[in-house]
Amino acid sequence: MRTKANEGKRTRTLARNDRRAVRKAEIPDTTVTVTFRHMESNDALRAYAVRKFSHLARFLNRACKVHLILSVDKYRQRGEVIVKSGRLAVAAQDQSKDFYAVIDLLADKVGRQLKSHLGKVKAKKVRAPSTGQVLSAVERTPPDSGPDRT
């Protein structure tokens, strides 16, 4: 028997969908530009690159621009990517025998770099108290008498 305290499955699902929509609205936009060098442009590769790089904005607080350059040198498929967001610029390059593998490798590299940057920024915000603050806190606390020895 349901009571008002126990919400139904449908109500919980609607609430969860609302929370997801709010989180998605908070993620800034990502502009992905794909340049093809020494080859014809390919819509399938362009769509794959957009899908792989569009999630990078969740690591950042601002909108970002992703410029992917795909080129062919004989039997090597090379890729370079530059991600810019505000003052931050992250770059990576890689090569393989398959363009899809190159795009995957570049997305992983840039994702790792952005996670590392995010960790550094968060660590910088949480700082240890200065020496003056520690000393003043020690002076304010009464000395501990310790355990009684009889």
C-alpha atoms as a PDB file:
ATOM      1  CA  MET A   1       0.000   0.000   0.000  1.00  0.00           C
ATOM      2  CA  ARG A   2       1.407   3.382  -0.994  1.00  0.00           C
ATOM      3  CA  THR A   3       1.397   6.386   1.200  1.00  0.00           C
ATOM      4  CA  LYS A   4       2.413   9.955   0.524  1.00  0.00           C
ATOM      5  CA  ALA A   5       5.792   9.271   2.136  1.00  0.00           C
ATOM      6  CA  ASN A   6       6.550   6.570  -0.443  1.00  0.00           C
ATOM      7  CA  GLU A   7       6.700   8.130  -3.851  1.00  0.00           C
ATOM      8  CA  GLY A   8       5.858   6.053  -6.839  1.00  0.00           C
ATOM      9  CA  LYS A   9       8.342   4.948  -9.453  1.00  0.00           C
ATOM     10  CA  ARG A  10       6.974   7.388 -11.991  1.00  0.00           C
ATOM     11  CA  THR A  11       7.397  10.359  -9.634  1.00  0.00           C
ATOM     12  CA  ARG A  12      10.998   9.391  -8.887  1.00  0.00           C
ATOM     13  CA  THR A  13      11.725   9.008 -12.598  1.00  0.00           C
ATOM     14  CA  LEU A  14      10.322  12.437 -13.383  1.00  0.00           C
ATOM     15  CA  ALA A  15      12.335  14.012 -10.587  1.00  0.00           C
ATOM     16  CA  ARG A  16      15.518  12.288 -11.804  1.00  0.00           C
ATOM     17  CA  ASN A  17      14.901  13.506 -15.371  1.00  0.00           C
ATOM     18  CA  ASP A  18      14.440  17.053 -14.090  1.00  0.00           C
ATOM     19  CA  ARG A  19      17.748  16.899 -12.209  1.00  0.00           C
ATOM     20  CA  ARG A  20      19.517  15.600 -15.329  1.00  0.00           C
ATOM     21  CA  ALA A  21      18.061  18.392 -17.446  1.00  0.00           C
ATOM     22  CA  VAL A  22      19.322  20.993 -14.984  1.00  0.00           C
ATOM     23  CA  ARG A  23      22.827  19.456 -15.007  1.00  0.00           C
ATOM     24  CA  LYS A  24      22.870  19.334 -18.809  1.00  0.00           C
ATOM     25  CA  ALA A  25      21.842  22.980 -19.012  1.00  0.00           C
ATOM     26  CA  GLU A  26      24.828  23.922 -16.804  1.00  0.00           C
ATOM     27  CA  ILE A  27      27.385  22.381 -19.213  1.00  0.00           C
ATOM     28  CA  PRO A  28      28.735  25.068 -21.587  1.00  0.00           C
ATOM     29  CA  ASP A  29      28.744  24.601 -25.344  1.00  0.00           C
ATOM     30  CA  THR A  30      31.634  23.052 -27.237  1.00  0.00           C
ATOM     31  CA  THR A  31      32.438  24.141 -30.789  1.00  0.00           C
ATOM     32  CA  VAL A  32      34.226  21.413 -32.748  1.00  0.00           C
ATOM     33  CA  THR A  33      35.991  22.326 -36.006  1.00  0.00           C
ATOM     34  CA  VAL A  34      37.491  19.573 -38.160  1.00  0.00           C
ATOM     35  CA  THR A  35      40.073  20.333 -40.846  1.00  0.00           C
ATOM     36  CA  PHE A  36      41.111  17.745 -43.432  1.00  0.00           C
ATOM     37  CA  ARG A  37      44.559  18.074 -45.014  1.00  0.00           C
ATOM     38  CA  HIS A  38      45.659  16.165 -48.111  1.00  0.00           C
ATOM     39  CA  MET A  39      42.364  14.296 -48.290  1.00  0.00           C
ATOM     40  CA  GLU A  40      38.684  14.752 -49.070  1.00  0.00           C
ATOM     41  CA  SER A  41      36.354  15.803 -46.279  1.00  0.00           C
ATOM     42  CA  ASN A  42      34.383  12.945 -44.792  1.00  0.00           C
ATOM     43  CA  ASP A  43      31.060  13.497 -43.015  1.00  0.00           C
ATOM     44  CA  ALA A  44      31.306  10.238 -41.068  1.00  0.00           C
ATOM     45  CA  LEU A  45      34.704  11.214 -39.609  1.00  0.00           C
ATOM     46  CA  ARG A  46      33.444  14.714 -38.855  1.00  0.00           C
ATOM     47  CA  ALA A  47      30.386  13.369 -36.993  1.00  0.00           C
ATOM     48  CA  TYR A  48      32.541  10.870 -35.064  1.00  0.00           C
ATOM     49  CA  ALA A  49      34.960  13.620 -34.023  1.00  0.00           C
ATOM     50  CA  VAL A  50      32.126  15.897 -32.908  1.00  0.00           C
ATOM     51  CA  ARG A  51      30.663  13.068 -30.827  1.00  0.00           C
ATOM     52  CA  LYS A  52      34.007  12.260 -29.189  1.00  0.00           C
ATOM     53  CA  PHE A  53      35.047  15.853 -28.414  1.00  0.00           C
ATOM     54  CA  SER A  54      31.706  17.439 -27.509  1.00  0.00           C
ATOM     55  CA  HIS A  55      31.854  16.079 -23.931  1.00  0.00           C
ATOM     56  CA  LEU A  56      35.066  17.980 -23.055  1.00  0.00           C
ATOM     57  CA  ALA A  57      33.153  21.031 -21.802  1.00  0.00           C
ATOM     58  CA  ARG A  58      32.077  19.148 -18.676  1.00  0.00           C
ATOM     59  CA  PHE A  59      35.663  19.456 -17.398  1.00  0.00           C
ATOM     60  CA  LEU A  60      35.608  23.232 -17.843  1.00  0.00           C
ATOM     61  CA  ASN A  61      33.511  26.090 -16.510  1.00  0.00           C
ATOM     62  CA  ARG A  62      33.377  27.946 -19.826  1.00  0.00           C
ATOM     63  CA  ALA A  63      32.552  27.215 -23.418  1.00  0.00           C
ATOM     64  CA  CYS A  64      35.476  25.724 -25.317  1.00  0.00           C
ATOM     65  CA  LYS A  65      36.639  25.512 -28.912  1.00  0.00           C
ATOM     66  CA  VAL A  66      38.104  22.303 -30.267  1.00  0.00           C
ATOM     67  CA  HIS A  67      40.105  22.380 -33.508  1.00  0.00           C
ATOM     68  CA  LEU A  68      40.932  18.945 -34.923  1.00  0.00           C
ATOM     69  CA  ILE A  69      43.335  18.628 -37.870  1.00  0.00           C
ATOM     70  CA  LEU A  70      43.401  15.292 -39.685  1.00  0.00           C
ATOM     71  CA  SER A  71      46.075  14.686 -42.322  1.00  0.00           C
ATOM     72  CA  VAL A  72      47.472  11.832 -44.412  1.00  0.00           C
ATOM     73  CA  ASP A  73      51.186  11.202 -45.046  1.00  0.00           C
ATOM     74  CA  LYS A  74      51.625   8.138 -47.257  1.00  0.00           C
ATOM     75  CA  TYR A  75      50.458   5.345 -44.955  1.00  0.00           C
ATOM     76  CA  ARG A  76      50.210   7.344 -41.736  1.00  0.00           C
ATOM     77  CA  GLN A  77      47.023   9.007 -40.563  1.00  0.00           C
ATOM     78  CA  ARG A  78      47.942  11.887 -38.269  1.00  0.00           C
ATOM     79  CA  GLY A  79      45.779  13.964 -36.013  1.00  0.00           C
ATOM     80  CA  GLU A  80      46.320  17.116 -33.993  1.00  0.00           C
ATOM     81  CA  VAL A  81      43.845  18.682 -31.618  1.00  0.00           C
ATOM     82  CA  ILE A  82      43.842  22.038 -29.861  1.00  0.00           C
ATOM     83  CA  VAL A  83      41.314  22.803 -27.116  1.00  0.00           C
ATOM     84  CA  LYS A  84      40.958  26.442 -26.071  1.00  0.00           C
ATOM     85  CA  SER A  85      38.854  27.751 -23.237  1.00  0.00           C
ATOM     86  CA  GLY A  86      39.562  31.187 -21.857  1.00  0.00           C
ATOM     87  CA  ARG A  87      43.278  31.282 -21.030  1.00  0.00           C
ATOM     88  CA  LEU A  88      43.635  27.502 -21.073  1.00  0.00           C
ATOM     89  CA  ALA A  89      45.019  25.850 -24.211  1.00  0.00           C
ATOM     90  CA  VAL A  90      45.567  22.097 -24.407  1.00  0.00           C
ATOM     91  CA  ALA A  91      47.151  20.391 -27.414  1.00  0.00           C
ATOM     92  CA  ALA A  92      47.829  16.790 -28.411  1.00  0.00           C
ATOM     93  CA  GLN A  93      48.930  14.920 -31.501  1.00  0.00           C
ATOM     94  CA  ASP A  94      49.006  11.281 -32.475  1.00  0.00           C
ATOM     95  CA  GLN A  95      49.241   8.972 -35.475  1.00  0.00           C
ATOM     96  CA  SER A  96      47.946   5.549 -36.394  1.00  0.00           C
ATOM     97  CA  LYS A  97      46.800   3.516 -39.373  1.00  0.00           C
ATOM     98  CA  ASP A  98      43.137   4.366 -38.805  1.00  0.00           C
ATOM     99  CA  PHE A  99      41.507   7.784 -38.408  1.00  0.00           C
ATOM    100  CA  TYR A 100      38.952   6.507 -35.910  1.00  0.00           C
ATOM    101  CA  ALA A 101      41.765   5.184 -33.705  1.00  0.00           C
ATOM    102  CA  VAL A 102      43.547   8.556 -33.989  1.00  0.00           C
ATOM    103  CA  ILE A 103      40.411  10.395 -32.870  1.00  0.00           C
ATOM    104  CA  ASP A 104      39.953   7.997 -29.928  1.00  0.00           C
ATOM    105  CA  LEU A 105      43.582   8.410 -28.828  1.00  0.00           C
ATOM    106  CA  LEU A 106      43.403  12.205 -29.084  1.00  0.00           C
ATOM    107  CA  ALA A 107      40.157  12.351 -27.108  1.00  0.00           C
ATOM    108  CA  ASP A 108      41.749  10.231 -24.347  1.00  0.00           C
ATOM    109  CA  LYS A 109      44.901  12.367 -24.240  1.00  0.00           C
ATOM    110  CA  VAL A 110      43.023  15.651 -24.074  1.00  0.00           C
ATOM    111  CA  GLY A 111      40.612  14.247 -21.488  1.00  0.00           C
ATOM    112  CA  ARG A 112      43.534  13.226 -19.255  1.00  0.00           C
ATOM    113  CA  GLN A 113      45.143  16.657 -19.616  1.00  0.00           C
ATOM    114  CA  LEU A 114      41.913  18.436 -18.727  1.00  0.00           C
ATOM    115  CA  LYS A 115      41.309  16.171 -15.713  1.00  0.00           C
ATOM    116  CA  SER A 116      44.837  16.880 -14.525  1.00  0.00           C
ATOM    117  CA  HIS A 117      44.292  20.613 -14.938  1.00  0.00           C
ATOM    118  CA  LEU A 118      40.992  20.409 -13.080  1.00  0.00           C
ATOM    119  CA  GLY A 119      42.675  18.553 -10.209  1.00  0.00           C
ATOM    120  CA  LYS A 120      45.397  21.195  -9.996  1.00  0.00           C
ATOM    121  CA  VAL A 121      42.843  24.019  -9.935  1.00  0.00           C
ATOM    122  CA  LYS A 122      40.829  22.329  -7.172  1.00  0.00           C
ATOM    123  CA  ALA A 123      43.973  21.610  -5.144  1.00  0.00           C
ATOM    124  CA  LYS A 124      45.030  25.223  -5.442  1.00  0.00           C
ATOM    125  CA  LYS A 125      41.704  26.429  -4.038  1.00  0.00           C
ATOM    126  CA  VAL A 126      42.025  24.264  -0.926  1.00  0.00           C
ATOM    127  CA  ARG A 127      45.076  25.641   0.799  1.00  0.00           C
ATOM    128  CA  ALA A 128      46.648  24.836   4.100  1.00  0.00           C
ATOM    129  CA  PRO A 129      46.444  27.539   6.764  1.00  0.00           C
ATOM    130  CA  SER A 130      49.348  29.963   6.893  1.00  0.00           C
ATOM    131  CA  THR A 131      51.973  29.823   9.650  1.00  0.00           C
ATOM    132  CA  GLY A 132      50.486  32.869  11.355  1.00  0.00           C
ATOM    133  CA  GLN A 133      47.065  31.256  11.490  1.00  0.00           C
ATOM    134  CA  VAL A 134      48.485  28.034  12.942  1.00  0.00           C
ATOM    135  CA  LEU A 135      50.510  29.871  15.589  1.00  0.00           C
ATOM    136  CA  SER A 136      47.587  32.055  16.652  1.00  0.00           C
ATOM    137  CA  ALA A 137      45.358  28.974  16.949  1.00  0.00           C
ATOM    138  CA  VAL A 138      47.971  27.258  19.123  1.00  0.00           C
ATOM    139  CA  GLU A 139      48.272  30.318  21.377  1.00  0.00           C
ATOM    140  CA  ARG A 140      44.501  30.487  21.867  1.00  0.00           C
ATOM    141  CA  THR A 141      44.107  26.848  22.953  1.00  0.00           C
ATOM    142  CA  PRO A 142      44.865  26.075  26.603  1.00  0.00           C
ATOM    143  CA  PRO A 143      47.801  23.757  27.239  1.00  0.00           C
ATOM    144  CA  ASP A 144      46.854  20.133  27.719  1.00  0.00           C
ATOM    145  CA  SER A 145      47.624  18.887  31.224  1.00  0.00           C
ATOM    146  CA  GLY A 146      47.915  15.311  30.035  1.00  0.00           C
ATOM    147  CA  PRO A 147      46.826  12.146  31.829  1.00  0.00           C
ATOM    148  CA  ASP A 148      46.964  12.034  35.634  1.00  0.00           C
ATOM    149  CA  ARG A 149      49.715   9.830  36.963  1.00  0.00           C
ATOM    150  CA  THR A 150      49.288   8.606  40.481  1.00  0.00           C
END
